Amino acid sequence: PIGPTFLAVGARVGSIFGSDGFERVPIDERFFTGGSTSVRSFTERELGPEDDGGKPIGGLSSGVLNVEYVFPLAGDLKGALFVDAGSVSRESFAPFEDLRFAVGAGLRYQLPIGPLRLDYGWNPSPKGDEAMGALHLSFGLAF
């Protein structure tokens, strides 16, 4: 907390070492990122390696960094500014290989059981057919 405001910082890093390679690790055990609790300029699980059809296939390593500043607006309504960075790699031990970013703002409405969040994350450097950003409506803390 910083007076009536607060600053939150988060970091997550993970890696899977598959001796038989990427294809031998089941898709439900791979890392995925993007969405309301990671890199908010991407929709849920959309950041990272894709198959030939453009569908996410996850990776063997992932890293996510978040910084969020929340400030009061009126009553239980708060504003938020955030910066996210993250990546997913097909390789083990490469969590920050191709960092992607989100810069954004959001609203927080404090309910008795936690915040209702509305965030828009802007993608400052979209690649290929990536969207310019993503809108997220979610419940609970961002990270």
C-alpha atoms as a PDB file:
ATOM      1  CA  PRO A   1       0.000   0.000   0.000  1.00  0.00           C
ATOM      2  CA  ILE A   2       1.022   3.581  -0.725  1.00  0.00           C
ATOM      3  CA  GLY A   3      -1.537   5.672   1.146  1.00  0.00           C
ATOM      4  CA  PRO A   4      -4.951   5.025  -0.461  1.00  0.00           C
ATOM      5  CA  THR A   5      -3.281   3.426  -3.506  1.00  0.00           C
ATOM      6  CA  PHE A   6      -1.244   0.276  -3.933  1.00  0.00           C
ATOM      7  CA  LEU A   7       1.438  -1.072  -6.196  1.00  0.00           C
ATOM      8  CA  ALA A   8       1.521  -4.784  -6.998  1.00  0.00           C
ATOM      9  CA  VAL A   9       4.480  -6.558  -8.636  1.00  0.00           C
ATOM     10  CA  GLY A  10       4.465 -10.191  -9.696  1.00  0.00           C
ATOM     11  CA  ALA A  11       6.824 -12.631 -11.411  1.00  0.00           C
ATOM     12  CA  ARG A  12       6.314 -16.245 -12.501  1.00  0.00           C
ATOM     13  CA  VAL A  13       8.853 -18.466 -14.213  1.00  0.00           C
ATOM     14  CA  GLY A  14       8.609 -22.133 -15.047  1.00  0.00           C
ATOM     15  CA  SER A  15      10.281 -24.739 -17.215  1.00  0.00           C
ATOM     16  CA  ILE A  16       9.728 -28.389 -18.086  1.00  0.00           C
ATOM     17  CA  PHE A  17      12.688 -30.538 -18.954  1.00  0.00           C
ATOM     18  CA  GLY A  18      11.461 -33.230 -21.319  1.00  0.00           C
ATOM     19  CA  SER A  19      14.276 -35.598 -22.236  1.00  0.00           C
ATOM     20  CA  ASP A  20      12.205 -36.888 -25.159  1.00  0.00           C
ATOM     21  CA  GLY A  21      11.546 -33.405 -26.561  1.00  0.00           C
ATOM     22  CA  PHE A  22       8.615 -31.066 -26.978  1.00  0.00           C
ATOM     23  CA  GLU A  23       6.259 -33.474 -28.757  1.00  0.00           C
ATOM     24  CA  ARG A  24       6.456 -36.051 -25.946  1.00  0.00           C
ATOM     25  CA  VAL A  25       5.111 -33.635 -23.302  1.00  0.00           C
ATOM     26  CA  PRO A  26       1.286 -33.849 -23.299  1.00  0.00           C
ATOM     27  CA  ILE A  27      -0.428 -30.607 -24.292  1.00  0.00           C
ATOM     28  CA  ASP A  28      -2.309 -30.377 -20.984  1.00  0.00           C
ATOM     29  CA  GLU A  29       1.025 -30.309 -19.114  1.00  0.00           C
ATOM     30  CA  ARG A  30       2.596 -27.514 -21.213  1.00  0.00           C
ATOM     31  CA  PHE A  31       2.730 -23.830 -20.297  1.00  0.00           C
ATOM     32  CA  PHE A  32       0.232 -21.382 -21.784  1.00  0.00           C
ATOM     33  CA  THR A  33      -0.065 -17.661 -21.144  1.00  0.00           C
ATOM     34  CA  GLY A  34      -2.109 -14.668 -22.165  1.00  0.00           C
ATOM     35  CA  GLY A  35      -5.340 -13.580 -20.531  1.00  0.00           C
ATOM     36  CA  SER A  36      -6.639 -11.691 -17.521  1.00  0.00           C
ATOM     37  CA  THR A  37      -3.985 -12.997 -15.092  1.00  0.00           C
ATOM     38  CA  SER A  38      -0.863 -12.878 -17.266  1.00  0.00           C
ATOM     39  CA  VAL A  39      -0.205 -10.787 -20.411  1.00  0.00           C
ATOM     40  CA  ARG A  40      -3.447  -8.858 -20.806  1.00  0.00           C
ATOM     41  CA  SER A  41      -2.922  -7.743 -24.427  1.00  0.00           C
ATOM     42  CA  PHE A  42      -3.646 -11.354 -25.463  1.00  0.00           C
ATOM     43  CA  THR A  43      -6.777 -13.420 -24.985  1.00  0.00           C
ATOM     44  CA  GLU A  44      -6.697 -16.467 -22.721  1.00  0.00           C
ATOM     45  CA  ARG A  45      -3.865 -18.928 -23.615  1.00  0.00           C
ATOM     46  CA  GLU A  46      -3.173 -17.195 -26.974  1.00  0.00           C
ATOM     47  CA  LEU A  47       0.436 -16.101 -26.371  1.00  0.00           C
ATOM     48  CA  GLY A  48       3.070 -18.577 -27.488  1.00  0.00           C
ATOM     49  CA  PRO A  49       3.745 -21.306 -30.031  1.00  0.00           C
ATOM     50  CA  GLU A  50       1.005 -22.315 -32.459  1.00  0.00           C
ATOM     51  CA  ASP A  51       0.402 -25.282 -34.750  1.00  0.00           C
ATOM     52  CA  ASP A  52       0.151 -24.932 -38.547  1.00  0.00           C
ATOM     53  CA  GLY A  53      -3.529 -24.001 -38.184  1.00  0.00           C
ATOM     54  CA  GLY A  54      -2.801 -21.144 -35.763  1.00  0.00           C
ATOM     55  CA  LYS A  55      -4.042 -22.944 -32.638  1.00  0.00           C
ATOM     56  CA  PRO A  56      -2.002 -22.533 -29.412  1.00  0.00           C
ATOM     57  CA  ILE A  57       0.097 -25.600 -28.533  1.00  0.00           C
ATOM     58  CA  GLY A  58       1.850 -24.345 -25.398  1.00  0.00           C
ATOM     59  CA  GLY A  59       5.506 -24.603 -24.541  1.00  0.00           C
ATOM     60  CA  LEU A  60       8.104 -26.053 -22.214  1.00  0.00           C
ATOM     61  CA  SER A  61       9.016 -22.767 -20.522  1.00  0.00           C
ATOM     62  CA  SER A  62       7.206 -19.599 -19.606  1.00  0.00           C
ATOM     63  CA  GLY A  63       7.882 -16.326 -17.855  1.00  0.00           C
ATOM     64  CA  VAL A  64       5.460 -13.569 -16.847  1.00  0.00           C
ATOM     65  CA  LEU A  65       6.178 -10.211 -15.172  1.00  0.00           C
ATOM     66  CA  ASN A  66       3.402  -7.864 -13.993  1.00  0.00           C
ATOM     67  CA  VAL A  67       3.296  -4.393 -12.464  1.00  0.00           C
ATOM     68  CA  GLU A  68      -0.039  -2.820 -11.504  1.00  0.00           C
ATOM     69  CA  TYR A  69      -0.887   0.476  -9.806  1.00  0.00           C
ATOM     70  CA  VAL A  70      -4.400   0.752  -8.323  1.00  0.00           C
ATOM     71  CA  PHE A  71      -5.906   4.053  -7.167  1.00  0.00           C
ATOM     72  CA  PRO A  72      -9.298   5.163  -5.796  1.00  0.00           C
ATOM     73  CA  LEU A  73     -11.870   6.805  -8.076  1.00  0.00           C
ATOM     74  CA  ALA A  74     -15.162   6.959  -6.145  1.00  0.00           C
ATOM     75  CA  GLY A  75     -16.411   4.788  -3.304  1.00  0.00           C
ATOM     76  CA  ASP A  76     -15.735   1.148  -4.131  1.00  0.00           C
ATOM     77  CA  LEU A  77     -14.665   1.961  -7.713  1.00  0.00           C
ATOM     78  CA  LYS A  78     -10.911   2.005  -8.387  1.00  0.00           C
ATOM     79  CA  GLY A  79      -8.760   2.605 -11.434  1.00  0.00           C
ATOM     80  CA  ALA A  80      -5.704   0.604 -12.460  1.00  0.00           C
ATOM     81  CA  LEU A  81      -2.717   1.095 -14.742  1.00  0.00           C
ATOM     82  CA  PHE A  82      -0.557  -1.884 -15.635  1.00  0.00           C
ATOM     83  CA  VAL A  83       2.361  -3.209 -17.645  1.00  0.00           C
ATOM     84  CA  ASP A  84       2.740  -6.937 -18.337  1.00  0.00           C
ATOM     85  CA  ALA A  85       5.499  -8.861 -20.087  1.00  0.00           C
ATOM     86  CA  GLY A  86       5.689 -12.554 -20.845  1.00  0.00           C
ATOM     87  CA  SER A  87       6.554 -15.348 -23.208  1.00  0.00           C
ATOM     88  CA  VAL A  88       6.155 -19.045 -23.832  1.00  0.00           C
ATOM     89  CA  SER A  89       8.860 -21.073 -25.583  1.00  0.00           C
ATOM     90  CA  ARG A  90       8.967 -24.542 -27.130  1.00  0.00           C
ATOM     91  CA  GLU A  91      12.416 -24.892 -25.527  1.00  0.00           C
ATOM     92  CA  SER A  92      13.189 -25.778 -21.912  1.00  0.00           C
ATOM     93  CA  PHE A  93      14.909 -23.114 -19.793  1.00  0.00           C
ATOM     94  CA  ALA A  94      14.056 -20.216 -22.146  1.00  0.00           C
ATOM     95  CA  PRO A  95      11.301 -18.403 -20.207  1.00  0.00           C
ATOM     96  CA  PHE A  96      11.990 -14.936 -21.636  1.00  0.00           C
ATOM     97  CA  GLU A  97      12.988 -15.885 -25.182  1.00  0.00           C
ATOM     98  CA  ASP A  98      10.481 -13.712 -27.118  1.00  0.00           C
ATOM     99  CA  LEU A  99       8.992 -11.244 -24.630  1.00  0.00           C
ATOM    100  CA  ARG A 100       5.603  -9.778 -25.529  1.00  0.00           C
ATOM    101  CA  PHE A 101       4.066  -6.819 -23.736  1.00  0.00           C
ATOM    102  CA  ALA A 102       0.803  -5.305 -22.563  1.00  0.00           C
ATOM    103  CA  VAL A 103       0.240  -1.735 -21.489  1.00  0.00           C
ATOM    104  CA  GLY A 104      -3.197  -0.974 -20.182  1.00  0.00           C
ATOM    105  CA  ALA A 105      -5.801   0.396 -17.858  1.00  0.00           C
ATOM    106  CA  GLY A 106      -8.724  -0.997 -15.975  1.00  0.00           C
ATOM    107  CA  LEU A 107     -11.502  -0.530 -13.478  1.00  0.00           C
ATOM    108  CA  ARG A 108     -11.967  -2.400 -10.211  1.00  0.00           C
ATOM    109  CA  TYR A 109     -15.266  -2.565  -8.354  1.00  0.00           C
ATOM    110  CA  GLN A 110     -14.778  -3.903  -4.862  1.00  0.00           C
ATOM    111  CA  LEU A 111     -17.416  -6.465  -3.882  1.00  0.00           C
ATOM    112  CA  PRO A 112     -17.563  -8.092  -0.414  1.00  0.00           C
ATOM    113  CA  ILE A 113     -15.952 -11.237  -1.842  1.00  0.00           C
ATOM    114  CA  GLY A 114     -13.321  -9.616  -4.092  1.00  0.00           C
ATOM    115  CA  PRO A 115     -12.877  -7.202  -6.994  1.00  0.00           C
ATOM    116  CA  LEU A 116     -14.768  -7.323 -10.272  1.00  0.00           C
ATOM    117  CA  ARG A 117     -12.202  -6.277 -12.897  1.00  0.00           C
ATOM    118  CA  LEU A 118     -12.500  -4.770 -16.374  1.00  0.00           C
ATOM    119  CA  ASP A 119      -9.115  -4.409 -18.126  1.00  0.00           C
ATOM    120  CA  TYR A 120      -7.952  -3.448 -21.589  1.00  0.00           C
ATOM    121  CA  GLY A 121      -4.406  -4.454 -22.494  1.00  0.00           C
ATOM    122  CA  TRP A 122      -2.876  -2.812 -25.557  1.00  0.00           C
ATOM    123  CA  ASN A 123      -0.255  -4.726 -27.563  1.00  0.00           C
ATOM    124  CA  PRO A 124       2.450  -2.124 -28.399  1.00  0.00           C
ATOM    125  CA  SER A 125       4.126  -4.292 -31.058  1.00  0.00           C
ATOM    126  CA  PRO A 126       1.751  -6.825 -32.646  1.00  0.00           C
ATOM    127  CA  LYS A 127       3.318  -9.452 -34.892  1.00  0.00           C
ATOM    128  CA  GLY A 128       1.654 -10.970 -37.943  1.00  0.00           C
ATOM    129  CA  ASP A 129      -2.068 -11.352 -37.366  1.00  0.00           C
ATOM    130  CA  GLU A 130      -2.009 -10.564 -33.623  1.00  0.00           C
ATOM    131  CA  ALA A 131      -4.700  -8.277 -32.261  1.00  0.00           C
ATOM    132  CA  MET A 132      -3.912  -4.739 -31.111  1.00  0.00           C
ATOM    133  CA  GLY A 133      -5.129  -5.703 -27.645  1.00  0.00           C
ATOM    134  CA  ALA A 134      -7.715  -7.543 -25.584  1.00  0.00           C
ATOM    135  CA  LEU A 135     -10.579  -6.672 -23.259  1.00  0.00           C
ATOM    136  CA  HIS A 136     -10.988  -8.788 -20.112  1.00  0.00           C
ATOM    137  CA  LEU A 137     -13.864  -8.981 -17.654  1.00  0.00           C
ATOM    138  CA  SER A 138     -12.868 -11.078 -14.660  1.00  0.00           C
ATOM    139  CA  PHE A 139     -13.268 -11.577 -10.941  1.00  0.00           C
ATOM    140  CA  GLY A 140     -10.530 -11.612  -8.310  1.00  0.00           C
ATOM    141  CA  LEU A 141      -6.985 -10.347  -8.192  1.00  0.00           C
ATOM    142  CA  ALA A 142      -4.998 -10.013 -11.409  1.00  0.00           C
ATOM    143  CA  PHE A 143      -2.006 -12.026 -10.172  1.00  0.00           C
END
